[in-house]
């Protein structure tokens, strides 16, 4: 399943709004906005690769669901 590309600004807003842990927000932004791979993230945050993957996968469904909602809302506004 290929993931759709979203604007970094939309991604950042969704992460800020729906991810309450500061550490998890930072991990997710570095992964999804900056495109950093799991291993370098693990080193940067002094966590295991498994822990980084857990953080990313935990929020992935929520983040992309909310991004789809944002995109739908933008299309609706543009259509009016």
Protein backbone atom coordinates (compact mmCIF):
# COMPACT_ATOMS: atom_id res chain seq x y z
CA UNK A 1 0.00 0.00 0.00
CA UNK A 2 1.56 3.26 -1.14
CA UNK A 3 1.24 6.25 1.18
CA UNK A 4 0.03 9.51 -0.25
CA UNK A 5 2.24 12.57 -0.05
CA UNK A 6 0.95 15.31 2.25
CA UNK A 7 2.13 18.84 2.87
CA UNK A 8 4.67 19.07 5.68
CA UNK A 9 2.65 21.89 7.25
CA UNK A 10 -0.47 19.68 7.40
CA UNK A 11 1.57 16.79 8.80
CA UNK A 12 3.06 19.03 11.47
CA UNK A 13 -0.34 20.42 12.50
CA UNK A 14 -1.88 16.95 12.80
CA UNK A 15 1.07 15.63 14.83
CA UNK A 16 0.95 18.67 17.14
CA UNK A 17 -2.79 18.32 17.68
CA UNK A 18 -3.15 14.57 18.16
CA UNK A 19 0.16 13.39 19.67
CA UNK A 20 0.41 14.42 23.31
CA UNK A 21 3.88 13.14 24.17
CA UNK A 22 6.58 15.69 23.33
CA UNK A 23 9.12 12.96 22.63
CA UNK A 24 6.73 11.10 20.33
CA UNK A 25 5.90 14.34 18.45
CA UNK A 26 9.61 14.94 17.88
CA UNK A 27 10.17 11.36 16.69
CA UNK A 28 7.21 11.52 14.31
CA UNK A 29 8.24 14.88 12.85
CA UNK A 30 11.80 13.68 12.30
CA UNK A 31 10.47 10.51 10.62
CA UNK A 32 7.58 11.87 8.52
CA UNK A 33 8.70 15.44 7.80
CA UNK A 34 12.49 15.15 7.76
CA UNK A 35 12.49 11.60 6.36
CA UNK A 36 14.98 10.20 8.88
CA UNK A 37 15.28 6.39 8.94
CA UNK A 38 14.64 4.30 12.05
CA UNK A 39 18.26 3.58 12.97
CA UNK A 40 19.43 7.22 13.05
CA UNK A 41 16.28 8.14 14.98
CA UNK A 42 17.08 5.47 17.56
CA UNK A 43 20.56 6.92 18.02
CA UNK A 44 19.28 10.51 18.16
CA UNK A 45 16.63 9.77 20.80
CA UNK A 46 18.71 7.14 22.64
CA UNK A 47 16.04 4.49 22.09
CA UNK A 48 16.09 1.10 20.40
CA UNK A 49 14.98 0.74 16.80
CA UNK A 50 12.07 -1.35 18.08
CA UNK A 51 10.95 1.48 20.37
CA UNK A 52 11.14 4.00 17.50
CA UNK A 53 9.11 1.70 15.24
CA UNK A 54 6.55 1.23 17.99
CA UNK A 55 6.13 5.02 18.34
CA UNK A 56 5.84 5.54 14.58
CA UNK A 57 3.42 2.66 13.98
CA UNK A 58 1.33 3.53 17.04
CA UNK A 59 0.36 6.89 15.56
CA UNK A 60 0.55 6.18 11.84
CA UNK A 61 -3.09 5.15 11.33
CA UNK A 62 -4.37 8.12 13.33
CA UNK A 63 -2.10 10.64 11.59
CA UNK A 64 -2.98 9.52 8.07
CA UNK A 65 -6.69 9.32 8.91
CA UNK A 66 -6.61 12.91 10.17
CA UNK A 67 -4.58 14.06 7.15
CA UNK A 68 -7.20 12.54 4.85
CA UNK A 69 -9.88 14.47 6.75
CA UNK A 70 -7.89 17.70 6.35
CA UNK A 71 -7.53 17.05 2.61
CA UNK A 72 -11.27 16.37 2.25
CA UNK A 73 -12.08 19.56 4.14
CA UNK A 74 -9.75 21.59 1.90
CA UNK A 75 -11.40 20.15 -1.24
CA UNK A 76 -14.85 20.97 0.14
CA UNK A 77 -13.83 24.56 0.88
CA UNK A 78 -12.25 24.97 -2.57
CA UNK A 79 -15.36 23.56 -4.23
CA UNK A 80 -17.60 26.28 -2.71
